[in-house]
Amino acid sequence: MNDLWSALCLVAVFEGLLLFAAPNAWKRAAEQLYAMPNLRLRALGGIVVVAGLLALRLLRG
């Protein structure tokens, strides 16, 4: 459970770094996501989840 909290904290750090370093790029990306149809967003989310799980599986062995 401690690993999960550590991972969530790292996600917050990376998100914060993006907002701090490139706020305009982050806004443009958010606008592009808002303009996407829901079906495409769901597909993109599914791809990211599967890629993350595969990467985690490879790292954990």
N, C-alpha and C. Protein backbone atom coordinates (compact mmCIF):
# COMPACT_ATOMS: atom_id res chain seq x y z
N MET A 1 0.83 -1.19 0.00
CA MET A 1 0.00 0.00 0.00
C MET A 1 0.86 1.25 0.00
N ASN A 2 2.02 1.15 0.64
CA ASN A 2 2.93 2.29 0.69
C ASN A 2 3.44 2.64 -0.71
N ASP A 3 3.65 1.61 -1.55
CA ASP A 3 4.09 1.86 -2.93
C ASP A 3 3.03 2.63 -3.71
N LEU A 4 1.77 2.32 -3.48
CA LEU A 4 0.69 3.02 -4.16
C LEU A 4 0.70 4.51 -3.81
N TRP A 5 0.82 4.81 -2.55
CA TRP A 5 0.85 6.22 -2.12
C TRP A 5 2.08 6.92 -2.68
N SER A 6 3.20 6.23 -2.72
CA SER A 6 4.42 6.82 -3.29
C SER A 6 4.22 7.12 -4.77
N ALA A 7 3.59 6.20 -5.48
CA ALA A 7 3.34 6.40 -6.91
C ALA A 7 2.40 7.58 -7.13
N LEU A 8 1.35 7.68 -6.32
CA LEU A 8 0.42 8.80 -6.45
C LEU A 8 1.10 10.13 -6.14
N CYS A 9 2.00 10.14 -5.19
CA CYS A 9 2.75 11.36 -4.88
C CYS A 9 3.65 11.75 -6.04
N LEU A 10 4.27 10.78 -6.67
CA LEU A 10 5.11 11.08 -7.83
C LEU A 10 4.29 11.63 -8.99
N VAL A 11 3.09 11.10 -9.19
CA VAL A 11 2.21 11.64 -10.23
C VAL A 11 1.90 13.11 -9.93
N ALA A 12 1.63 13.43 -8.68
CA ALA A 12 1.36 14.81 -8.30
C ALA A 12 2.57 15.71 -8.55
N VAL A 13 3.76 15.20 -8.27
CA VAL A 13 4.99 15.97 -8.51
C VAL A 13 5.15 16.25 -10.01
N PHE A 14 4.98 15.22 -10.84
CA PHE A 14 5.13 15.41 -12.29
C PHE A 14 4.07 16.36 -12.84
N GLU A 15 2.84 16.21 -12.39
CA GLU A 15 1.78 17.13 -12.84
C GLU A 15 2.11 18.56 -12.43
N GLY A 16 2.57 18.72 -11.21
CA GLY A 16 2.93 20.05 -10.72
C GLY A 16 4.09 20.65 -11.51
N LEU A 17 5.06 19.82 -11.85
CA LEU A 17 6.18 20.31 -12.65
C LEU A 17 5.73 20.78 -14.02
N LEU A 18 4.82 20.04 -14.64
CA LEU A 18 4.30 20.46 -15.94
C LEU A 18 3.55 21.79 -15.84
N LEU A 19 2.72 21.92 -14.82
CA LEU A 19 1.99 23.18 -14.64
C LEU A 19 2.94 24.33 -14.34
N PHE A 20 3.98 24.07 -13.59
CA PHE A 20 4.94 25.11 -13.21
C PHE A 20 5.82 25.52 -14.39
N ALA A 21 6.31 24.54 -15.14
CA ALA A 21 7.27 24.81 -16.20
C ALA A 21 6.63 25.29 -17.50
N ALA A 22 5.44 24.78 -17.82
CA ALA A 22 4.83 25.11 -19.11
C ALA A 22 3.32 25.25 -18.98
N PRO A 23 2.85 26.29 -18.29
CA PRO A 23 1.41 26.43 -18.09
C PRO A 23 0.62 26.63 -19.38
N ASN A 24 1.18 27.36 -20.34
CA ASN A 24 0.45 27.58 -21.60
C ASN A 24 0.32 26.30 -22.41
N ALA A 25 1.37 25.51 -22.44
CA ALA A 25 1.29 24.23 -23.16
C ALA A 25 0.27 23.31 -22.49
N TRP A 26 0.22 23.34 -21.16
CA TRP A 26 -0.74 22.51 -20.43
C TRP A 26 -2.17 22.95 -20.76
N LYS A 27 -2.39 24.26 -20.84
CA LYS A 27 -3.73 24.77 -21.17
C LYS A 27 -4.13 24.36 -22.59
N ARG A 28 -3.19 24.46 -23.53
CA ARG A 28 -3.50 24.05 -24.90
C ARG A 28 -3.84 22.57 -24.97
N ALA A 29 -3.09 21.75 -24.24
CA ALA A 29 -3.36 20.31 -24.23
C ALA A 29 -4.74 20.04 -23.63
N ALA A 30 -5.08 20.75 -22.56
CA ALA A 30 -6.39 20.56 -21.92
C ALA A 30 -7.52 20.98 -22.87
N GLU A 31 -7.31 22.06 -23.62
CA GLU A 31 -8.32 22.48 -24.59
C GLU A 31 -8.50 21.44 -25.69
N GLN A 32 -7.40 20.85 -26.14
CA GLN A 32 -7.49 19.81 -27.16
C GLN A 32 -8.22 18.58 -26.63
N LEU A 33 -7.96 18.22 -25.39
CA LEU A 33 -8.66 17.08 -24.79
C LEU A 33 -10.15 17.38 -24.65
N TYR A 34 -10.48 18.62 -24.28
CA TYR A 34 -11.89 19.00 -24.12
C TYR A 34 -12.63 18.92 -25.45
N ALA A 35 -11.93 19.20 -26.53
CA ALA A 35 -12.55 19.20 -27.85
C ALA A 35 -12.71 17.79 -28.43
N MET A 36 -12.03 16.81 -27.87
CA MET A 36 -12.12 15.43 -28.38
C MET A 36 -13.45 14.79 -28.04
N PRO A 37 -13.95 13.96 -28.93
CA PRO A 37 -15.17 13.20 -28.61
C PRO A 37 -14.91 12.22 -27.46
N ASN A 38 -15.96 11.94 -26.70
CA ASN A 38 -15.83 11.06 -25.54
C ASN A 38 -15.31 9.67 -25.90
N LEU A 39 -15.74 9.15 -27.03
CA LEU A 39 -15.30 7.81 -27.44
C LEU A 39 -13.78 7.79 -27.64
N ARG A 40 -13.25 8.82 -28.26
CA ARG A 40 -11.80 8.88 -28.48
C ARG A 40 -11.05 9.03 -27.16
N LEU A 41 -11.61 9.82 -26.24
CA LEU A 41 -10.98 9.97 -24.93
C LEU A 41 -10.97 8.66 -24.16
N ARG A 42 -12.07 7.92 -24.25
CA ARG A 42 -12.13 6.61 -23.57
C ARG A 42 -11.09 5.66 -24.16
N ALA A 43 -10.97 5.67 -25.49
CA ALA A 43 -9.98 4.81 -26.14
C ALA A 43 -8.57 5.21 -25.71
N LEU A 44 -8.30 6.50 -25.69
CA LEU A 44 -6.99 6.98 -25.26
C LEU A 44 -6.72 6.60 -23.81
N GLY A 45 -7.71 6.76 -22.96
CA GLY A 45 -7.56 6.37 -21.56
C GLY A 45 -7.29 4.89 -21.41
N GLY A 46 -7.98 4.07 -22.17
CA GLY A 46 -7.76 2.63 -22.13
C GLY A 46 -6.35 2.26 -22.58
N ILE A 47 -5.88 2.92 -23.62
CA ILE A 47 -4.53 2.66 -24.11
C ILE A 47 -3.49 3.03 -23.05
N VAL A 48 -3.70 4.17 -22.40
CA VAL A 48 -2.76 4.61 -21.36
C VAL A 48 -2.77 3.64 -20.18
N VAL A 49 -3.94 3.17 -19.79
CA VAL A 49 -4.03 2.21 -18.68
C VAL A 49 -3.30 0.92 -19.02
N VAL A 50 -3.55 0.39 -20.22
CA VAL A 50 -2.90 -0.86 -20.62
C VAL A 50 -1.39 -0.66 -20.71
N ALA A 51 -0.93 0.46 -21.28
CA ALA A 51 0.50 0.72 -21.38
C ALA A 51 1.12 0.84 -19.99
N GLY A 52 0.43 1.49 -19.09
CA GLY A 52 0.93 1.62 -17.72
C GLY A 52 1.01 0.28 -17.01
N LEU A 53 0.01 -0.54 -17.18
CA LEU A 53 0.02 -1.87 -16.56
C LEU A 53 1.13 -2.74 -17.14
N LEU A 54 1.33 -2.67 -18.46
CA LEU A 54 2.41 -3.44 -19.07
C LEU A 54 3.78 -2.95 -18.58
N ALA A 55 3.95 -1.64 -18.50
CA ALA A 55 5.21 -1.10 -18.01
C ALA A 55 5.45 -1.52 -16.56
N LEU A 56 4.41 -1.48 -15.75
CA LEU A 56 4.53 -1.89 -14.36
C LEU A 56 4.89 -3.37 -14.26
N ARG A 57 4.27 -4.17 -15.09
CA ARG A 57 4.56 -5.61 -15.11
C ARG A 57 6.02 -5.88 -15.49
N LEU A 58 6.51 -5.12 -16.49
CA LEU A 58 7.90 -5.29 -16.91
C LEU A 58 8.87 -4.85 -15.82
N LEU A 59 8.54 -3.78 -15.12
CA LEU A 59 9.42 -3.27 -14.07
C LEU A 59 9.41 -4.19 -12.85
N ARG A 60 8.26 -4.74 -12.54
CA ARG A 60 8.13 -5.59 -11.34
C ARG A 60 8.60 -7.02 -11.60
N GLY A 61 8.68 -7.38 -12.89
CA GLY A 61 9.19 -8.71 -13.26
C GLY A 61 8.28 -9.78 -12.87
